[in-house]
C-alpha cells in the first residue's frame, strides 16, 4: 500500500475538517425540514449547499494549481488597460470604499497572462482588501515596472496583519480571522496562479496602519530591430 506523503495527508485532513461543519449543519436542518417544512430552514439548507459547493470547487482548484495541472491559456495583454477596466468594475459595484488607481509613467506594458485566471487572482486580493478595510477606507491599486517585470500593488489602510500571521497567510486553509467569511484557500490559489505565470507575490503589513500585497509578472518586451 502506497503511503500518503505528510503534506498531502495534512491537506486531506484539513479539507475533511473544513467540510464537516457545513455537512453537520445540513444534516441537522434537513432533519428539521423533513419533519416540519418551512422557508427559514430551506434558506439555511440552500446557503450551506452553496457554501459547501464553493469549498469543494476551491479545493479542486488548489489541487490543480499545486500539481501545475491547471491549463493556462496565455495571451499577450496590455496590463494597464486590463487592470484599469478590472478595477473600475469593482469601484462601480462597491460604494463603501474609496478606490484609487495609480498608473505608471511608462505606458504600453505588455505581459503574457491567462485573463480569467489572473482575473480570479486579482479578485481574491481585492476582495480580501475590501473584507478587512473598514467602510470609507482606501484601497489603492498601483502599477510600476522594471526592465524585466511589471509590479502590481494592492494597498489598503485596514487593521493590518500581525507579523506572526504574515508568514502563514498563503498557507492552505489558514484564516487570519474566523469572524470573516471565506474558505481559507483564496490566497493560496492566488499565490500559485501568479507563480504559474512566472511571478512572485509577497505581503507587507503594519498593524493598525496598512496591508500591501505586491506581485510581479514578467514583461513581454518588443523584439529589437536588427
C-alpha atoms as a PDB file:
ATOM      1  CA  UNK A   1       0.000   0.000   0.000  1.00  0.00           C
ATOM      2  CA  UNK A   2       1.403   3.393  -1.008  1.00  0.00           C
ATOM      3  CA  UNK A   3       1.911   5.744   1.921  1.00  0.00           C
ATOM      4  CA  UNK A   4       0.448   9.250   1.505  1.00  0.00           C
ATOM      5  CA  UNK A   5       3.124  11.967   1.911  1.00  0.00           C
ATOM      6  CA  UNK A   6       2.667  14.031   5.086  1.00  0.00           C
ATOM      7  CA  UNK A   7       1.912  17.307   3.289  1.00  0.00           C
ATOM      8  CA  UNK A   8      -0.798  15.616   1.186  1.00  0.00           C
ATOM      9  CA  UNK A   9      -2.176  13.869   4.269  1.00  0.00           C
ATOM     10  CA  UNK A  10      -2.335  17.189   6.141  1.00  0.00           C
ATOM     11  CA  UNK A  11      -4.130  18.788   3.190  1.00  0.00           C
ATOM     12  CA  UNK A  12      -6.725  15.991   3.048  1.00  0.00           C
ATOM     13  CA  UNK A  13      -7.217  16.201   6.819  1.00  0.00           C
ATOM     14  CA  UNK A  14      -7.779  19.946   6.664  1.00  0.00           C
ATOM     15  CA  UNK A  15     -10.159  19.563   3.715  1.00  0.00           C
ATOM     16  CA  UNK A  16     -12.208  16.920   5.523  1.00  0.00           C
ATOM     17  CA  UNK A  17     -12.303  19.053   8.663  1.00  0.00           C
ATOM     18  CA  UNK A  18     -13.484  22.136   6.739  1.00  0.00           C
ATOM     19  CA  UNK A  19     -16.333  20.165   5.148  1.00  0.00           C
ATOM     20  CA  UNK A  20     -17.545  18.685   8.434  1.00  0.00           C
ATOM     21  CA  UNK A  21     -19.124  21.958   9.626  1.00  0.00           C
ATOM     22  CA  UNK A  22     -21.412  22.692   6.641  1.00  0.00           C
ATOM     23  CA  UNK A  23     -22.284  18.982   6.380  1.00  0.00           C
ATOM     24  CA  UNK A  24     -23.219  18.905  10.081  1.00  0.00           C
ATOM     25  CA  UNK A  25     -25.483  21.935   9.646  1.00  0.00           C
ATOM     26  CA  UNK A  26     -27.067  20.387   6.540  1.00  0.00           C
ATOM     27  CA  UNK A  27     -27.813  17.116   8.345  1.00  0.00           C
ATOM     28  CA  UNK A  28     -29.445  18.959  11.248  1.00  0.00           C
ATOM     29  CA  UNK A  29     -31.582  21.285   9.164  1.00  0.00           C
ATOM     30  CA  UNK A  30     -32.591  18.578   6.677  1.00  0.00           C
ATOM     31  CA  UNK A  31     -33.906  16.528   9.591  1.00  0.00           C
ATOM     32  CA  UNK A  32     -35.905  19.534  10.852  1.00  0.00           C
ATOM     33  CA  UNK A  33     -37.109  20.405   7.349  1.00  0.00           C
ATOM     34  CA  UNK A  34     -38.471  16.910   6.629  1.00  0.00           C
ATOM     35  CA  UNK A  35     -40.354  16.947   9.941  1.00  0.00           C
ATOM     36  CA  UNK A  36     -41.680  20.495   9.501  1.00  0.00           C
ATOM     37  CA  UNK A  37     -41.011  22.113   6.097  1.00  0.00           C
ATOM     38  CA  UNK A  38     -40.587  25.898   6.309  1.00  0.00           C
ATOM     39  CA  UNK A  39     -38.890  28.707   4.376  1.00  0.00           C
ATOM     40  CA  UNK A  40     -36.426  29.573   7.156  1.00  0.00           C
ATOM     41  CA  UNK A  41     -34.886  26.086   7.293  1.00  0.00           C
ATOM     42  CA  UNK A  42     -34.974  25.885   3.493  1.00  0.00           C
ATOM     43  CA  UNK A  43     -32.907  29.094   3.274  1.00  0.00           C
ATOM     44  CA  UNK A  44     -30.268  27.740   5.690  1.00  0.00           C
ATOM     45  CA  UNK A  45     -30.026  24.494   3.689  1.00  0.00           C
ATOM     46  CA  UNK A  46     -29.616  26.399   0.413  1.00  0.00           C
ATOM     47  CA  UNK A  47     -26.935  28.665   1.919  1.00  0.00           C
ATOM     48  CA  UNK A  48     -24.953  25.738   3.299  1.00  0.00           C
ATOM     49  CA  UNK A  49     -25.174  23.893  -0.033  1.00  0.00           C
ATOM     50  CA  UNK A  50     -23.744  26.961  -1.789  1.00  0.00           C
ATOM     51  CA  UNK A  51     -21.006  27.216   0.846  1.00  0.00           C
ATOM     52  CA  UNK A  52     -20.123  23.517   0.520  1.00  0.00           C
ATOM     53  CA  UNK A  53     -20.130  23.680  -3.277  1.00  0.00           C
ATOM     54  CA  UNK A  54     -17.809  26.701  -3.195  1.00  0.00           C
ATOM     55  CA  UNK A  55     -15.456  24.984  -0.751  1.00  0.00           C
ATOM     56  CA  UNK A  56     -15.242  21.867  -2.935  1.00  0.00           C
ATOM     57  CA  UNK A  57     -14.565  23.968  -6.061  1.00  0.00           C
ATOM     58  CA  UNK A  58     -11.789  25.830  -4.202  1.00  0.00           C
ATOM     59  CA  UNK A  59     -10.214  22.565  -3.028  1.00  0.00           C
ATOM     60  CA  UNK A  60     -10.255  21.211  -6.595  1.00  0.00           C
ATOM     61  CA  UNK A  61      -8.781  24.471  -7.922  1.00  0.00           C
ATOM     62  CA  UNK A  62      -5.987  24.420  -5.336  1.00  0.00           C
ATOM     63  CA  UNK A  63      -5.246  20.798  -6.232  1.00  0.00           C
ATOM     64  CA  UNK A  64      -4.840  21.820  -9.877  1.00  0.00           C
ATOM     65  CA  UNK A  65      -2.553  24.781  -9.227  1.00  0.00           C
ATOM     66  CA  UNK A  66      -0.474  22.826  -6.704  1.00  0.00           C
ATOM     67  CA  UNK A  67       0.121  20.000  -9.188  1.00  0.00           C
ATOM     68  CA  UNK A  68       0.513  22.515 -12.048  1.00  0.00           C
ATOM     69  CA  UNK A  69      -2.211  20.684 -13.980  1.00  0.00           C
ATOM     70  CA  UNK A  70      -4.273  23.856 -14.369  1.00  0.00           C
ATOM     71  CA  UNK A  71      -4.427  24.799 -18.042  1.00  0.00           C
ATOM     72  CA  UNK A  72      -3.118  28.332 -18.542  1.00  0.00           C
ATOM     73  CA  UNK A  73      -4.195  29.965 -21.799  1.00  0.00           C
ATOM     74  CA  UNK A  74      -1.522  32.617 -22.248  1.00  0.00           C
ATOM     75  CA  UNK A  75      -2.116  35.650 -24.426  1.00  0.00           C
ATOM     76  CA  UNK A  76      -0.369  38.984 -24.761  1.00  0.00           C
ATOM     77  CA  UNK A  77      -2.193  41.672 -22.795  1.00  0.00           C
ATOM     78  CA  UNK A  78      -1.562  45.368 -22.236  1.00  0.00           C
ATOM     79  CA  UNK A  79      -1.680  45.204 -18.451  1.00  0.00           C
ATOM     80  CA  UNK A  80      -2.522  48.853 -17.650  1.00  0.00           C
ATOM     81  CA  UNK A  81      -5.815  48.841 -19.571  1.00  0.00           C
ATOM     82  CA  UNK A  82      -6.588  45.316 -18.303  1.00  0.00           C
ATOM     83  CA  UNK A  83      -6.159  46.392 -14.667  1.00  0.00           C
ATOM     84  CA  UNK A  84      -7.920  49.719 -15.154  1.00  0.00           C
ATOM     85  CA  UNK A  85     -11.027  48.007 -16.539  1.00  0.00           C
ATOM     86  CA  UNK A  86     -10.916  45.339 -13.839  1.00  0.00           C
ATOM     87  CA  UNK A  87     -10.510  47.889 -11.040  1.00  0.00           C
ATOM     88  CA  UNK A  88     -13.265  50.164 -12.360  1.00  0.00           C
ATOM     89  CA  UNK A  89     -15.765  47.290 -12.213  1.00  0.00           C
ATOM     90  CA  UNK A  90     -15.035  46.869  -8.502  1.00  0.00           C
ATOM     91  CA  UNK A  91     -15.295  50.586  -7.761  1.00  0.00           C
ATOM     92  CA  UNK A  92     -18.682  50.747  -9.530  1.00  0.00           C
ATOM     93  CA  UNK A  93     -20.108  47.751  -7.659  1.00  0.00           C
ATOM     94  CA  UNK A  94     -18.790  48.645  -4.195  1.00  0.00           C
ATOM     95  CA  UNK A  95     -19.553  52.146  -2.948  1.00  0.00           C
ATOM     96  CA  UNK A  96     -18.457  51.593   0.666  1.00  0.00           C
ATOM     97  CA  UNK A  97     -14.747  52.164  -0.020  1.00  0.00           C
ATOM     98  CA  UNK A  98     -12.530  54.679  -1.778  1.00  0.00           C
ATOM     99  CA  UNK A  99     -10.705  53.188  -4.767  1.00  0.00           C
ATOM    100  CA  UNK A 100      -7.542  54.746  -6.185  1.00  0.00           C
ATOM    101  CA  UNK A 101      -5.833  53.584  -9.385  1.00  0.00           C
ATOM    102  CA  UNK A 102      -2.218  54.707  -9.836  1.00  0.00           C
ATOM    103  CA  UNK A 103      -0.884  54.307 -13.356  1.00  0.00           C
ATOM    104  CA  UNK A 104       2.840  54.110 -14.144  1.00  0.00           C
ATOM    105  CA  UNK A 105       4.760  56.696 -16.128  1.00  0.00           C
ATOM    106  CA  UNK A 106       5.782  54.046 -18.630  1.00  0.00           C
ATOM    107  CA  UNK A 107       2.948  53.063 -20.958  1.00  0.00           C
ATOM    108  CA  UNK A 108       2.196  50.042 -23.133  1.00  0.00           C
ATOM    109  CA  UNK A 109       3.339  47.408 -20.634  1.00  0.00           C
ATOM    110  CA  UNK A 110       2.705  44.026 -22.246  1.00  0.00           C
ATOM    111  CA  UNK A 111       2.561  40.743 -20.323  1.00  0.00           C
ATOM    112  CA  UNK A 112       1.570  37.197 -21.189  1.00  0.00           C
ATOM    113  CA  UNK A 113      -1.308  36.050 -18.962  1.00  0.00           C
ATOM    114  CA  UNK A 114      -4.464  33.986 -18.808  1.00  0.00           C
ATOM    115  CA  UNK A 115      -7.119  36.702 -18.472  1.00  0.00           C
ATOM    116  CA  UNK A 116      -9.527  34.524 -16.495  1.00  0.00           C
ATOM    117  CA  UNK A 117      -7.003  33.003 -14.093  1.00  0.00           C
ATOM    118  CA  UNK A 118      -5.183  36.286 -13.458  1.00  0.00           C
ATOM    119  CA  UNK A 119      -8.555  37.979 -13.061  1.00  0.00           C
ATOM    120  CA  UNK A 120      -9.511  35.473 -10.356  1.00  0.00           C
ATOM    121  CA  UNK A 121      -6.230  36.064  -8.508  1.00  0.00           C
ATOM    122  CA  UNK A 122      -6.770  39.835  -8.643  1.00  0.00           C
ATOM    123  CA  UNK A 123     -10.351  39.425  -7.496  1.00  0.00           C
ATOM    124  CA  UNK A 124      -9.201  37.418  -4.483  1.00  0.00           C
ATOM    125  CA  UNK A 125      -6.683  40.104  -3.495  1.00  0.00           C
ATOM    126  CA  UNK A 126      -9.183  42.943  -3.941  1.00  0.00           C
ATOM    127  CA  UNK A 127     -11.971  41.119  -2.103  1.00  0.00           C
ATOM    128  CA  UNK A 128      -9.526  40.416   0.703  1.00  0.00           C
ATOM    129  CA  UNK A 129      -8.692  44.140   0.919  1.00  0.00           C
ATOM    130  CA  UNK A 130     -12.385  45.078   0.899  1.00  0.00           C
ATOM    131  CA  UNK A 131     -13.190  42.469   3.539  1.00  0.00           C
ATOM    132  CA  UNK A 132     -10.672  43.792   6.059  1.00  0.00           C
ATOM    133  CA  UNK A 133     -10.777  47.513   5.285  1.00  0.00           C
ATOM    134  CA  UNK A 134     -13.431  49.490   7.208  1.00  0.00           C
ATOM    135  CA  UNK A 135     -16.113  51.452   5.380  1.00  0.00           C
ATOM    136  CA  UNK A 136     -14.810  54.651   3.762  1.00  0.00           C
ATOM    137  CA  UNK A 137     -11.303  53.180   3.890  1.00  0.00           C
ATOM    138  CA  UNK A 138      -8.984  53.442   0.911  1.00  0.00           C
ATOM    139  CA  UNK A 139      -7.812  50.695  -1.439  1.00  0.00           C
ATOM    140  CA  UNK A 140      -5.089  51.558  -3.936  1.00  0.00           C
ATOM    141  CA  UNK A 141      -4.030  49.555  -6.964  1.00  0.00           C
ATOM    142  CA  UNK A 142      -0.666  50.698  -8.319  1.00  0.00           C
ATOM    143  CA  UNK A 143       1.440  49.589 -11.270  1.00  0.00           C
ATOM    144  CA  UNK A 144       5.175  50.056 -11.724  1.00  0.00           C
ATOM    145  CA  UNK A 145       7.787  48.365 -13.871  1.00  0.00           C
ATOM    146  CA  UNK A 146      11.390  47.291 -14.164  1.00  0.00           C
ATOM    147  CA  UNK A 147      13.225  46.199 -17.286  1.00  0.00           C
ATOM    148  CA  UNK A 148      12.013  42.622 -16.736  1.00  0.00           C
ATOM    149  CA  UNK A 149       8.795  42.775 -14.700  1.00  0.00           C
ATOM    150  CA  UNK A 150       5.526  44.565 -14.158  1.00  0.00           C
ATOM    151  CA  UNK A 151       4.891  45.122 -10.435  1.00  0.00           C
ATOM    152  CA  UNK A 152       1.321  45.290  -9.146  1.00  0.00           C
ATOM    153  CA  UNK A 153       0.482  46.512  -5.653  1.00  0.00           C
ATOM    154  CA  UNK A 154      -2.815  46.366  -3.767  1.00  0.00           C
ATOM    155  CA  UNK A 155      -2.621  48.565  -0.676  1.00  0.00           C
ATOM    156  CA  UNK A 156      -5.305  49.169   1.953  1.00  0.00           C
ATOM    157  CA  UNK A 157      -5.478  51.157   5.172  1.00  0.00           C
ATOM    158  CA  UNK A 158      -7.225  48.432   7.139  1.00  0.00           C
ATOM    159  CA  UNK A 159      -6.210  46.954  10.520  1.00  0.00           C
ATOM    160  CA  UNK A 160      -3.025  45.318   9.217  1.00  0.00           C
ATOM    161  CA  UNK A 161      -1.742  41.773   9.717  1.00  0.00           C
ATOM    162  CA  UNK A 162       0.321  40.736  12.765  1.00  0.00           C
ATOM    163  CA  UNK A 163       3.863  39.613  11.874  1.00  0.00           C
ATOM    164  CA  UNK A 164       3.333  36.083  13.190  1.00  0.00           C
ATOM    165  CA  UNK A 165       0.372  35.686  10.811  1.00  0.00           C
ATOM    166  CA  UNK A 166       2.125  37.139   7.752  1.00  0.00           C
ATOM    167  CA  UNK A 167       4.310  34.036   7.448  1.00  0.00           C
ATOM    168  CA  UNK A 168       1.217  31.788   7.278  1.00  0.00           C
ATOM    169  CA  UNK A 169      -1.064  33.991   5.197  1.00  0.00           C
ATOM    170  CA  UNK A 170      -0.581  31.947   1.993  1.00  0.00           C
ATOM    171  CA  UNK A 171      -0.937  28.539   3.691  1.00  0.00           C
ATOM    172  CA  UNK A 172      -3.972  26.486   2.589  1.00  0.00           C
ATOM    173  CA  UNK A 173      -6.966  26.822   4.943  1.00  0.00           C
ATOM    174  CA  UNK A 174      -5.223  29.454   7.054  1.00  0.00           C
ATOM    175  CA  UNK A 175      -7.549  32.276   8.062  1.00  0.00           C
ATOM    176  CA  UNK A 176      -6.289  35.284   9.976  1.00  0.00           C
ATOM    177  CA  UNK A 177      -9.770  35.937  11.327  1.00  0.00           C
ATOM    178  CA  UNK A 178     -12.546  33.399  11.859  1.00  0.00           C
ATOM    179  CA  UNK A 179     -15.022  36.289  12.063  1.00  0.00           C
ATOM    180  CA  UNK A 180     -14.756  36.879   8.312  1.00  0.00           C
ATOM    181  CA  UNK A 181     -16.346  34.595   5.678  1.00  0.00           C
ATOM    182  CA  UNK A 182     -14.114  32.591   3.372  1.00  0.00           C
ATOM    183  CA  UNK A 183     -12.634  29.181   2.656  1.00  0.00           C
ATOM    184  CA  UNK A 184      -9.068  29.992   3.672  1.00  0.00           C
ATOM    185  CA  UNK A 185      -7.912  28.887   0.212  1.00  0.00           C
ATOM    186  CA  UNK A 186      -8.170  32.068  -1.864  1.00  0.00           C
ATOM    187  CA  UNK A 187      -4.716  33.487  -1.138  1.00  0.00           C
ATOM    188  CA  UNK A 188      -3.075  30.066  -1.618  1.00  0.00           C
ATOM    189  CA  UNK A 189      -4.697  29.749  -5.040  1.00  0.00           C
ATOM    190  CA  UNK A 190      -3.799  33.338  -5.967  1.00  0.00           C
ATOM    191  CA  UNK A 191      -0.151  32.757  -4.995  1.00  0.00           C
ATOM    192  CA  UNK A 192       0.161  29.571  -7.056  1.00  0.00           C
ATOM    193  CA  UNK A 193      -1.647  31.172 -10.021  1.00  0.00           C
ATOM    194  CA  UNK A 194       0.804  34.091 -10.015  1.00  0.00           C
ATOM    195  CA  UNK A 195       3.723  31.653  -9.788  1.00  0.00           C
ATOM    196  CA  UNK A 196       2.337  29.692 -12.764  1.00  0.00           C
ATOM    197  CA  UNK A 197       2.578  32.989 -14.651  1.00  0.00           C
ATOM    198  CA  UNK A 198       6.268  33.231 -13.737  1.00  0.00           C
ATOM    199  CA  UNK A 199       5.679  35.827 -10.998  1.00  0.00           C
ATOM    200  CA  UNK A 200       6.161  36.152  -7.253  1.00  0.00           C
ATOM    201  CA  UNK A 201       3.898  37.567  -4.535  1.00  0.00           C
ATOM    202  CA  UNK A 202       4.698  38.998  -1.105  1.00  0.00           C
ATOM    203  CA  UNK A 203       2.849  40.734   1.718  1.00  0.00           C
ATOM    204  CA  UNK A 204       3.944  43.692   3.814  1.00  0.00           C
ATOM    205  CA  UNK A 205       1.861  44.978   6.687  1.00  0.00           C
ATOM    206  CA  UNK A 206       1.892  47.051   9.841  1.00  0.00           C
ATOM    207  CA  UNK A 207      -0.827  46.662  12.448  1.00  0.00           C
ATOM    208  CA  UNK A 208      -3.400  49.484  12.634  1.00  0.00           C
ATOM    209  CA  UNK A 209      -1.837  51.098   9.540  1.00  0.00           C
ATOM    210  CA  UNK A 210      -1.810  49.173   6.262  1.00  0.00           C
ATOM    211  CA  UNK A 211      -1.507  45.931   4.320  1.00  0.00           C
ATOM    212  CA  UNK A 212       0.122  45.665   0.909  1.00  0.00           C
ATOM    213  CA  UNK A 213       0.120  42.660  -1.394  1.00  0.00           C
ATOM    214  CA  UNK A 214       2.655  43.059  -4.173  1.00  0.00           C
ATOM    215  CA  UNK A 215       3.327  40.704  -7.071  1.00  0.00           C
ATOM    216  CA  UNK A 216       5.312  40.598 -10.285  1.00  0.00           C
ATOM    217  CA  UNK A 217       4.515  39.426 -13.802  1.00  0.00           C
ATOM    218  CA  UNK A 218       7.285  39.033 -16.417  1.00  0.00           C
ATOM    219  CA  UNK A 219       7.115  41.586 -19.213  1.00  0.00           C
ATOM    220  CA  UNK A 220       6.891  40.712 -22.888  1.00  0.00           C
ATOM    221  CA  UNK A 221       9.450  43.013 -24.405  1.00  0.00           C
ATOM    222  CA  UNK A 222       9.301  44.085 -28.058  1.00  0.00           C
ATOM    223  CA  UNK A 223      11.848  42.402 -30.285  1.00  0.00           C
ATOM    224  CA  UNK A 224      14.843  44.538 -31.074  1.00  0.00           C
ATOM    225  CA  UNK A 225      15.216  45.530 -34.681  1.00  0.00           C
ATOM    226  CA  UNK A 226      18.241  44.004 -36.321  1.00  0.00           C
END
